Amino acid sequence: MTLNLRVAIVGAGPAGIYAGNILRRQVDEAGGQVAIDLFESLPAPYGLIRYGVAPDHPRIKGIVNSLHEMLDEGTIRLIGNVEVGRDVTVDELRERYDAVIFATGALKDAPLDIPGIDLPGSYGAADLVAWYDGHPDVSREWPLEAESIAVIGNGNVALDVARVLAKHPADLLSTDIPANVHEGLLASPVTDVHVFGRRGPSQVKFTPIELRELGEVPDVDIVVYDDDFARAEGDEHAAHLLATNNQVKVMTRTLNGWRKPADWQPTASRRLHLHFFHSPVEVLGTSSVEGVRFERTRPVGDGSVVGTGEFVDVPVQAVYRAVGYASSPIAGVPFDESARVIPNEGGRVTDGAGAPIAGVYATGWIKRGPVGLIGHTKGDALETITNLVADANAGVLAEPTVAAADGDEVLELLEARGIRYTTWNGWLALDAHERSLGEAFEGTARERVKVVPRDEQVEISRSGALVAG
């Protein structure tokens, strides 16, 4: 049977783009045809690569270039500024496509359920990341009023947040941060940023490059504490990791290199502290954050820790929780509230009884949870698409009920509802505009300056697309 498919993908981040690229390739290799529409709630593509990664990560450019090439081939049609579940329903997509793939990722902060976490001055790291990355749906202003800040978490997001908060704004001008973010960071009185993890130095979830970048921040001292290393002595799990894991070896060497002699005195105007074996138990304060209470922990030899009954209070005026991301439900799609994923088997979305729903699939973090790097996302997409193509060959996909001979029926539906959708040509126009803003910036060479307001992004995109057309 020769395949001739129309497929909608919801989410234009790496998961969705990889899924589209793999689908196109598999169908091409089978001698079939596939029309792919890539729906995105934001006016611009790339998802967390554009709005969830610290702006001072130059290696992200390589990922963006790869995603750009996939979309620039013209075999995947981008339909941006469209919220599935609001502007168009899931049922309406299923009526028009042989299959719908959800790749909406995980955009919200995972909760940290301790007393005081809702005090003014306590924030989710994902919200701060969205602010400094210029997300159009986040306020232009952020309350950077604290001299001492706690970041709770021992993963890459925690390090990103801590580094951006500690970094001098002038050192971010070579990135694409928006003007309002630069102005906000300029007003920050911060002197000390503290990063806290429950486990020891060998069990951190950083990557070596993330850790190394900390030591390259100008006028910021990195501070680690000998007591934390002493607590790790005799930990069999840590010893095993050091003996078998090259990444752990590199990071342990880096951390040990930051240990200071007893008479060390800070020389920089700002400090970034890395604390280990600290488990948060309460955010302290009455009308706002005044500190965080931690229970000191110790390793038990299997990678886990237990509390020691020793408590310490650390005075800070702001707290950022970076303990993970969480996905959000989509109207019309099953959702596991506990695991915060769309229930699925190998990417085939399942109903409440565990049976697959014909023609509905998931990939990326909405499928497996917010774990893994880009390589995992590619493998995830491969599994989902392989199963989708197998289902198509087996004839078990639900056939569309709305005719769409020219493929434009869904665009006509959006236009009839007054939805100002954006396109790939529109993104190229917005991309060129942001780059021109960077070129025009006085004093510092910048690749781009992000446009933040949604309406402005849409206007530039749609005007540019008309010119290109």
Protein backbone atom coordinates (compact mmCIF):
# COMPACT_ATOMS: atom_id res chain seq x y z
CA MET A 1 0.00 0.00 0.00
CA THR A 2 1.36 3.42 -1.00
CA LEU A 3 1.06 5.93 1.82
CA ASN A 4 -0.56 9.31 1.21
CA LEU A 5 -0.87 11.04 4.56
CA ARG A 6 -1.76 14.40 6.07
CA VAL A 7 -0.28 14.81 9.55
CA ALA A 8 -0.55 17.62 12.09
CA ILE A 9 2.22 18.11 14.66
CA VAL A 10 1.44 20.31 17.65
CA GLY A 11 4.57 22.02 18.98
CA ALA A 12 7.43 23.51 16.91
CA GLY A 13 10.26 22.82 19.32
CA PRO A 14 12.97 20.22 18.69
CA ALA A 15 10.61 17.30 19.44
CA GLY A 16 8.05 18.40 16.88
CA ILE A 17 10.56 19.35 14.20
CA TYR A 18 12.51 16.12 14.58
CA ALA A 19 9.27 14.16 14.39
CA GLY A 20 8.30 15.92 11.16
CA ASN A 21 11.70 15.38 9.61
CA ILE A 22 11.77 11.67 10.51
CA LEU A 23 8.20 11.22 9.26
CA ARG A 24 8.99 12.84 5.93
CA ARG A 25 12.09 10.68 5.52
CA GLN A 26 10.37 7.41 6.40
CA VAL A 27 7.43 8.05 4.08
CA ASP A 28 9.76 9.15 1.26
CA GLU A 29 11.83 6.00 1.64
CA ALA A 30 8.63 3.94 1.38
CA GLY A 31 7.71 5.69 -1.86
CA GLY A 32 4.73 7.51 -0.33
CA GLN A 33 3.69 11.11 0.19
CA VAL A 34 3.03 13.10 3.34
CA ALA A 35 1.84 16.67 3.97
CA ILE A 36 2.91 17.93 7.39
CA ASP A 37 1.51 20.96 9.20
CA LEU A 38 3.47 22.09 12.26
CA PHE A 39 1.28 24.07 14.69
CA GLU A 40 2.91 26.36 17.27
CA SER A 41 1.23 28.50 19.92
CA LEU A 42 3.97 31.16 19.69
CA PRO A 43 4.62 33.33 16.63
CA ALA A 44 8.16 31.92 16.28
CA PRO A 45 9.44 28.34 16.11
CA TYR A 46 12.02 26.40 18.18
CA GLY A 47 10.20 26.17 21.52
CA LEU A 48 12.53 25.79 24.51
CA ILE A 49 15.57 26.36 22.30
CA ARG A 50 14.38 29.95 21.84
CA TYR A 51 12.56 30.46 25.14
CA GLY A 52 14.00 27.95 27.62
CA VAL A 53 17.79 28.06 27.35
CA ALA A 54 20.10 30.68 28.81
CA PRO A 55 21.04 33.26 26.15
CA ASP A 56 24.80 32.85 26.75
CA HIS A 57 24.95 29.30 25.33
CA PRO A 58 26.62 29.65 21.93
CA ARG A 59 26.49 25.91 21.23
CA ILE A 60 22.69 26.18 21.05
CA LYS A 61 23.22 27.99 17.74
CA GLY A 62 24.25 24.68 16.19
CA ILE A 63 20.94 23.11 17.21
CA VAL A 64 18.98 26.08 15.86
CA ASN A 65 20.88 25.88 12.56
CA SER A 66 19.96 22.20 12.24
CA LEU A 67 16.28 22.86 13.00
CA HIS A 68 16.30 25.79 10.57
CA GLU A 69 17.57 23.57 7.78
CA MET A 70 14.80 21.02 8.40
CA LEU A 71 12.06 23.66 8.20
CA ASP A 72 13.69 25.57 5.36
CA GLU A 73 13.39 22.53 3.07
CA GLY A 74 9.74 23.49 2.66
CA THR A 75 8.35 20.01 3.27
CA ILE A 76 6.95 20.96 6.70
CA ARG A 77 4.48 23.85 6.83
CA LEU A 78 4.78 26.04 9.93
CA ILE A 79 1.50 27.49 11.27
CA GLY A 80 2.43 29.70 14.21
CA ASN A 81 0.53 31.82 16.72
CA VAL A 82 -2.18 29.14 16.92
CA GLU A 83 -3.16 27.60 20.24
CA VAL A 84 -4.51 24.10 19.73
CA GLY A 85 -7.40 23.57 22.13
CA ARG A 86 -8.40 27.22 21.90
CA ASP A 87 -8.04 28.57 18.34
CA VAL A 88 -8.67 25.16 16.82
CA THR A 89 -9.81 22.07 18.72
CA VAL A 90 -8.16 18.68 18.76
CA ASP A 91 -11.33 17.17 17.26
CA GLU A 92 -11.15 19.66 14.39
CA LEU A 93 -7.57 18.60 13.70
CA ARG A 94 -8.51 14.93 13.81
CA GLU A 95 -11.27 15.62 11.28
CA ARG A 96 -8.70 17.07 8.88
CA TYR A 97 -5.60 14.90 9.35
CA ASP A 98 -4.79 11.20 9.27
CA ALA A 99 -2.75 11.62 12.44
CA VAL A 100 -2.06 14.26 15.08
CA ILE A 101 1.23 14.23 17.01
CA PHE A 102 1.56 16.19 20.25
CA ALA A 103 5.02 17.59 20.96
CA THR A 104 4.13 20.41 23.33
CA GLY A 105 6.96 19.83 25.81
CA ALA A 106 7.01 20.91 29.43
CA LEU A 107 6.90 24.63 30.12
CA LYS A 108 5.90 24.97 33.77
CA ASP A 109 7.89 24.57 36.97
CA ALA A 110 7.51 21.35 38.90
CA PRO A 111 6.19 22.13 42.40
CA LEU A 112 8.28 22.21 45.56
CA ASP A 113 5.87 21.49 48.38
CA ILE A 114 7.42 23.10 51.45
CA PRO A 115 6.06 25.77 53.83
CA GLY A 116 6.58 29.33 52.66
CA ILE A 117 7.18 28.48 49.01
CA ASP A 118 4.39 30.88 47.98
CA LEU A 119 5.83 33.90 49.82
CA PRO A 120 6.50 37.03 47.75
CA GLY A 121 10.08 36.70 46.52
CA SER A 122 9.74 32.97 45.80
CA TYR A 123 9.68 32.09 42.10
CA GLY A 124 9.82 29.24 39.67
CA ALA A 125 13.01 29.09 37.63
CA ALA A 126 11.08 28.43 34.42
CA ASP A 127 9.28 31.76 34.81
CA LEU A 128 12.58 33.62 35.19
CA VAL A 129 14.03 31.80 32.18
CA ALA A 130 10.99 32.81 30.13
CA TRP A 131 11.54 36.42 31.22
CA TYR A 132 15.21 36.63 30.35
CA ASP A 133 14.60 34.78 27.08
CA GLY A 134 11.96 37.31 26.05
CA HIS A 135 8.89 35.07 26.05
CA PRO A 136 6.01 37.15 24.68
CA ASP A 137 3.51 36.01 27.31
CA VAL A 138 5.65 36.98 30.32
CA SER A 139 5.70 40.42 31.94
CA ARG A 140 8.42 42.76 30.64
CA GLU A 141 9.49 43.50 34.21
CA TRP A 142 10.97 41.18 36.83
CA PRO A 143 11.52 42.07 40.52
CA LEU A 144 15.32 41.83 40.88
CA GLU A 145 15.62 43.41 44.32
CA ALA A 146 17.59 40.82 46.35
CA GLU A 147 21.23 41.03 47.34
CA SER A 148 21.34 37.34 48.29
CA ILE A 149 19.48 34.71 46.26
CA ALA A 150 18.90 30.98 46.72
CA VAL A 151 18.50 28.65 43.74
CA ILE A 152 17.18 25.23 44.75
CA GLY A 153 18.21 22.44 42.41
CA ASN A 154 21.31 20.74 41.06
CA GLY A 155 20.58 20.52 37.34
CA ASN A 156 21.51 22.58 34.31
CA VAL A 157 18.52 24.91 34.70
CA ALA A 158 19.64 25.77 38.23
CA LEU A 159 23.13 26.60 36.94
CA ASP A 160 21.72 28.64 34.05
CA VAL A 161 19.56 30.70 36.39
CA ALA A 162 22.36 31.18 38.91
CA ARG A 163 24.86 32.20 36.23
CA VAL A 164 22.53 34.73 34.59
CA LEU A 165 21.60 36.23 37.96
CA ALA A 166 25.26 36.51 39.02
CA LYS A 167 26.65 37.67 35.70
CA HIS A 168 27.26 41.35 35.05
CA PRO A 169 24.79 42.62 32.45
CA ALA A 170 27.56 43.96 30.21
CA ASP A 171 28.76 40.38 29.74
CA LEU A 172 25.36 39.41 28.33
CA LEU A 173 25.25 42.12 25.67
CA SER A 174 26.82 39.85 23.08
CA THR A 175 23.75 37.58 23.38
CA ASP A 176 20.20 38.10 22.12
CA ILE A 177 18.69 39.29 25.42
CA PRO A 178 15.97 41.89 24.92
CA ALA A 179 16.51 45.48 26.02
CA ASN A 180 14.07 45.20 28.94
CA VAL A 181 16.02 42.22 30.33
CA HIS A 182 19.33 44.07 30.13
CA GLU A 183 17.78 47.05 31.90
CA GLY A 184 16.33 44.83 34.62
CA LEU A 185 19.63 43.08 35.26
CA LEU A 186 21.44 46.43 35.39
CA ALA A 187 19.25 47.44 38.34
CA SER A 188 19.89 44.21 40.28
CA PRO A 189 21.75 44.72 43.59
CA VAL A 190 22.76 41.05 43.82
CA THR A 191 26.08 40.17 45.41
CA ASP A 192 25.63 36.48 46.28
CA VAL A 193 23.83 33.65 44.52
CA HIS A 194 23.61 30.31 46.35
CA VAL A 195 22.83 27.02 44.57
CA PHE A 196 21.65 24.18 46.82
CA GLY A 197 21.45 20.45 46.12
CA ARG A 198 20.22 17.57 48.28
CA ARG A 199 22.98 15.20 47.25
CA GLY A 200 26.74 15.40 46.97
CA PRO A 201 29.22 16.77 44.43
CA SER A 202 29.38 13.47 42.51
CA GLN A 203 25.60 13.18 42.08
CA VAL A 204 24.90 16.57 40.50
CA LYS A 205 22.83 16.65 37.32
CA PHE A 206 24.96 19.29 35.63
CA THR A 207 26.89 18.65 32.46
CA PRO A 208 30.65 19.34 32.46
CA ILE A 209 30.37 22.25 30.05
CA GLU A 210 27.65 23.91 32.16
CA LEU A 211 29.87 23.63 35.22
CA ARG A 212 32.98 24.84 33.47
CA GLU A 213 31.16 27.91 32.18
CA LEU A 214 30.62 29.06 35.76
CA GLY A 215 34.34 29.53 36.23
CA GLU A 216 34.55 31.70 33.12
CA VAL A 217 32.18 34.43 34.32
CA PRO A 218 34.12 37.69 34.77
CA ASP A 219 34.18 39.29 38.24
CA VAL A 220 32.30 36.41 39.87
CA ASP A 221 34.02 34.19 42.43
CA ILE A 222 32.94 30.54 42.65
CA VAL A 223 32.69 29.38 46.26
CA VAL A 224 32.48 25.75 47.39
CA TYR A 225 32.66 24.40 50.93
CA ASP A 226 35.09 21.84 52.32
CA ASP A 227 32.45 20.43 54.68
CA ASP A 228 30.38 19.32 51.69
CA PHE A 229 33.31 17.36 50.31
CA ALA A 230 34.05 15.87 53.73
CA ARG A 231 30.48 14.56 53.93
CA ALA A 232 31.02 12.69 50.66
CA GLU A 233 34.04 10.79 51.96
CA GLY A 234 33.34 7.08 52.21
CA ASP A 235 30.30 7.27 49.92
CA GLU A 236 30.47 4.04 47.89
CA HIS A 237 28.12 5.32 45.20
CA ALA A 238 30.24 8.45 44.67
CA ALA A 239 33.40 6.32 44.54
CA HIS A 240 31.81 4.08 41.91
CA LEU A 241 30.80 7.06 39.78
CA LEU A 242 34.29 8.51 39.99
CA ALA A 243 35.77 5.21 38.86
CA THR A 244 33.38 4.57 35.98
CA ASN A 245 31.93 7.86 34.73
CA ASN A 246 34.19 10.26 32.84
CA GLN A 247 31.74 13.14 33.17
CA VAL A 248 31.72 12.76 36.94
CA LYS A 249 35.53 12.68 36.95
CA VAL A 250 35.69 15.92 34.97
CA MET A 251 33.11 17.70 37.14
CA THR A 252 34.70 16.49 40.38
CA ARG A 253 38.04 17.80 39.18
CA THR A 254 36.44 21.14 38.34
CA LEU A 255 34.72 21.40 41.72
CA ASN A 256 37.87 20.46 43.61
CA GLY A 257 39.73 23.12 41.67
CA TRP A 258 37.44 25.72 43.20
CA ARG A 259 38.22 24.75 46.78
CA LYS A 260 40.03 27.56 48.56
CA PRO A 261 42.63 27.73 51.32
CA ALA A 262 41.45 28.68 54.80
CA ASP A 263 42.74 32.25 54.48
CA TRP A 264 41.08 32.88 51.08
CA GLN A 265 39.35 36.22 50.62
CA PRO A 266 36.93 37.08 47.80
CA THR A 267 38.28 39.36 45.08
CA ALA A 268 35.24 39.69 42.81
CA SER A 269 32.24 41.96 43.35
CA ARG A 270 29.84 39.00 43.11
CA ARG A 271 29.94 35.42 44.34
CA LEU A 272 28.25 32.22 43.23
CA HIS A 273 28.13 29.59 45.98
CA LEU A 274 27.63 25.85 45.36
CA HIS A 275 26.21 23.99 48.36
CA PHE A 276 25.71 20.23 48.59
CA PHE A 277 23.89 17.97 51.06
CA HIS A 278 21.21 20.61 51.72
CA SER A 279 17.53 19.60 51.60
CA PRO A 280 15.06 22.53 51.71
CA VAL A 281 12.41 22.23 54.41
CA GLU A 282 10.95 25.75 54.64
CA VAL A 283 11.10 29.18 53.06
CA LEU A 284 11.33 31.67 55.93
CA GLY A 285 9.64 35.04 56.17
CA THR A 286 6.44 36.84 57.08
CA SER A 287 5.48 39.27 54.32
CA SER A 288 8.29 38.22 51.96
CA VAL A 289 11.23 35.84 51.69
CA GLU A 290 13.80 36.31 54.42
CA GLY A 291 15.69 33.02 54.21
CA VAL A 292 15.56 29.28 53.62
CA ARG A 293 15.83 26.52 56.22
CA PHE A 294 17.69 23.40 55.11
CA GLU A 295 18.24 20.03 56.71
CA ARG A 296 21.77 18.78 56.15
CA THR A 297 21.88 15.35 54.56
CA ARG A 298 24.40 12.54 54.30
CA PRO A 299 24.90 9.82 51.69
CA VAL A 300 23.84 6.24 52.40
CA GLY A 301 25.95 4.59 49.70
CA ASP A 302 23.35 3.91 47.00
CA GLY A 303 23.06 7.40 45.49
CA SER A 304 20.37 8.57 47.90
CA VAL A 305 20.66 10.69 51.03
CA VAL A 306 18.96 10.86 54.41
CA GLY A 307 18.44 13.76 56.76
CA THR A 308 20.82 14.19 59.68
CA GLY A 309 18.52 16.22 61.93
CA GLU A 310 20.89 19.18 61.60
CA PHE A 311 19.18 22.35 60.35
CA VAL A 312 20.71 25.55 59.00
CA ASP A 313 19.06 28.84 58.07
CA VAL A 314 20.47 30.77 55.13
CA PRO A 315 19.42 34.43 54.89
CA VAL A 316 18.29 35.37 51.36
CA GLN A 317 15.72 37.74 49.94
CA ALA A 318 14.68 35.67 46.92
CA VAL A 319 14.28 31.96 46.14
CA TYR A 320 14.13 30.23 42.78
CA ARG A 321 13.05 26.62 42.62
CA ALA A 322 14.69 24.69 39.77
CA VAL A 323 13.54 21.19 40.62
CA GLY A 324 12.25 20.25 37.18
CA TYR A 325 9.64 21.06 34.56
CA ALA A 326 6.05 19.88 34.24
CA SER A 327 3.82 19.51 31.19
CA SER A 328 0.34 20.98 30.90
CA PRO A 329 -2.84 19.25 29.67
CA ILE A 330 -4.37 20.00 26.27
CA ALA A 331 -8.14 20.18 25.95
CA GLY A 332 -9.38 17.09 24.17
CA VAL A 333 -6.35 14.88 24.91
CA PRO A 334 -5.97 12.39 27.79
CA PHE A 335 -3.54 13.55 30.47
CA ASP A 336 -1.91 11.79 33.41
CA GLU A 337 -2.04 14.41 36.19
CA SER A 338 0.33 12.44 38.40
CA ALA A 339 3.10 11.83 35.85
CA ARG A 340 2.28 15.10 33.98
CA VAL A 341 2.42 13.39 30.58
CA ILE A 342 0.02 12.26 27.88
CA PRO A 343 -0.49 8.54 28.54
CA ASN A 344 0.97 6.50 25.72
CA GLU A 345 2.56 3.26 24.65
CA GLY A 346 5.54 3.85 22.41
CA GLY A 347 4.10 7.22 21.43
CA ARG A 348 0.60 5.87 20.70
CA VAL A 349 -1.73 7.93 22.92
CA THR A 350 -3.98 5.73 25.05
CA ASP A 351 -7.40 6.29 26.59
CA GLY A 352 -8.49 5.73 30.19
CA ALA A 353 -8.69 1.98 29.61
CA GLY A 354 -5.18 1.86 28.16
CA ALA A 355 -6.33 1.31 24.57
CA PRO A 356 -4.62 3.27 21.78
CA ILE A 357 -6.59 6.15 20.25
CA ALA A 358 -6.43 5.82 16.48
CA GLY A 359 -4.34 8.53 14.84
CA VAL A 360 -3.20 10.31 18.03
CA TYR A 361 0.47 10.29 19.07
CA ALA A 362 2.92 12.00 21.41
CA THR A 363 6.65 12.67 21.40
CA GLY A 364 9.20 14.54 23.49
CA TRP A 365 8.73 15.65 27.08
CA ILE A 366 4.92 15.49 26.86
CA LYS A 367 5.43 11.79 26.09
CA ARG A 368 8.17 10.74 28.51
CA GLY A 369 8.47 13.57 31.04
CA PRO A 370 11.07 16.36 31.23
CA VAL A 371 14.22 14.23 31.20
CA GLY A 372 16.99 13.73 28.71
CA LEU A 373 18.84 15.86 26.20
CA ILE A 374 18.51 16.43 22.44
CA GLY A 375 19.72 12.93 21.64
CA HIS A 376 16.88 11.45 23.69
CA THR A 377 14.41 13.67 21.85
CA LYS A 378 15.56 12.31 18.48
CA GLY A 379 15.25 8.72 19.69
CA ASP A 380 11.84 9.49 21.13
CA ALA A 381 10.62 10.89 17.83
CA LEU A 382 11.97 7.90 15.94
CA GLU A 383 9.97 5.51 18.12
CA THR A 384 6.76 7.49 17.75
CA ILE A 385 7.07 7.97 13.99
CA THR A 386 8.00 4.33 13.39
CA ASN A 387 4.82 3.29 15.18
CA LEU A 388 2.73 5.86 13.30
CA VAL A 389 4.00 4.63 9.93
CA ALA A 390 3.39 1.03 11.00
CA ASP A 391 -0.18 1.95 11.94
CA ALA A 392 -0.66 3.68 8.59
CA ASN A 393 0.58 0.62 6.74
CA ALA A 394 -1.73 -1.54 8.83
CA GLY A 395 -4.70 0.67 7.91
CA VAL A 396 -5.63 1.51 11.50
CA LEU A 397 -5.48 5.31 11.25
CA ALA A 398 -8.79 7.13 11.39
CA GLU A 399 -9.54 8.70 8.01
CA PRO A 400 -10.15 12.47 7.89
CA THR A 401 -13.80 13.44 7.52
CA VAL A 402 -13.23 16.96 6.19
CA ALA A 403 -11.98 17.17 2.62
CA ALA A 404 -8.79 19.18 2.16
CA ALA A 405 -7.72 18.62 -1.40
CA ASP A 406 -5.45 21.66 -1.59
CA GLY A 407 -4.34 21.59 2.04
CA ASP A 408 -5.56 25.14 2.70
CA GLU A 409 -8.85 24.30 4.39
CA VAL A 410 -7.33 24.56 7.87
CA LEU A 411 -5.87 27.98 7.02
CA GLU A 412 -9.27 29.12 5.80
CA LEU A 413 -10.76 27.90 9.08
CA LEU A 414 -8.24 29.97 11.08
CA GLU A 415 -8.77 33.04 8.90
CA ALA A 416 -12.54 32.79 9.34
CA ARG A 417 -11.98 32.91 13.11
CA GLY A 418 -9.70 35.93 12.88
CA ILE A 419 -6.59 34.02 13.93
CA ARG A 420 -3.48 35.89 12.76
CA TYR A 421 -1.34 32.85 12.13
CA THR A 422 2.32 33.10 11.16
CA THR A 423 4.31 31.09 8.62
CA TRP A 424 7.88 30.04 7.84
CA ASN A 425 8.32 33.04 5.54
CA GLY A 426 7.03 35.15 8.40
CA TRP A 427 9.66 33.68 10.72
CA LEU A 428 12.37 34.45 8.16
CA ALA A 429 11.18 38.07 8.17
CA LEU A 430 11.17 38.23 11.98
CA ASP A 431 14.58 36.56 12.10
CA ALA A 432 16.00 39.12 9.66
CA HIS A 433 14.45 41.96 11.67
CA GLU A 434 15.97 40.74 14.95
CA ARG A 435 19.36 40.38 13.28
CA SER A 436 19.11 43.93 11.95
CA LEU A 437 18.43 45.15 15.50
CA GLY A 438 21.61 43.39 16.61
CA GLU A 439 23.65 44.97 13.82
CA ALA A 440 22.33 48.42 14.73
CA PHE A 441 23.15 48.04 18.43
CA GLU A 442 25.73 50.59 19.56
CA GLY A 443 28.99 49.51 21.18
CA THR A 444 28.73 45.71 21.06
CA ALA A 445 28.52 43.29 18.15
CA ARG A 446 25.31 41.30 18.59
CA GLU A 447 23.91 38.52 16.44
CA ARG A 448 20.35 39.60 17.19
CA VAL A 449 18.10 41.40 19.67
CA LYS A 450 14.86 39.56 20.32
CA VAL A 451 11.52 41.18 19.68
CA VAL A 452 9.39 40.45 22.75
CA PRO A 453 5.74 41.60 22.36
CA ARG A 454 3.55 39.00 20.67
CA ASP A 455 1.64 41.55 18.60
CA GLU A 456 4.88 43.04 17.31
CA GLN A 457 6.24 39.62 16.39
CA VAL A 458 3.04 38.78 14.56
CA GLU A 459 2.96 42.09 12.71
CA ILE A 460 6.57 41.77 11.54
CA SER A 461 6.03 38.16 10.55
CA ARG A 462 2.83 38.71 8.61
CA SER A 463 4.06 41.88 6.89
CA GLY A 464 7.32 40.22 5.96
CA ALA A 465 5.57 37.10 4.69
CA LEU A 466 3.39 39.23 2.39
CA VAL A 467 6.49 40.94 0.99
CA ALA A 468 8.20 37.57 0.52
CA GLY A 469 5.11 36.16 -1.15
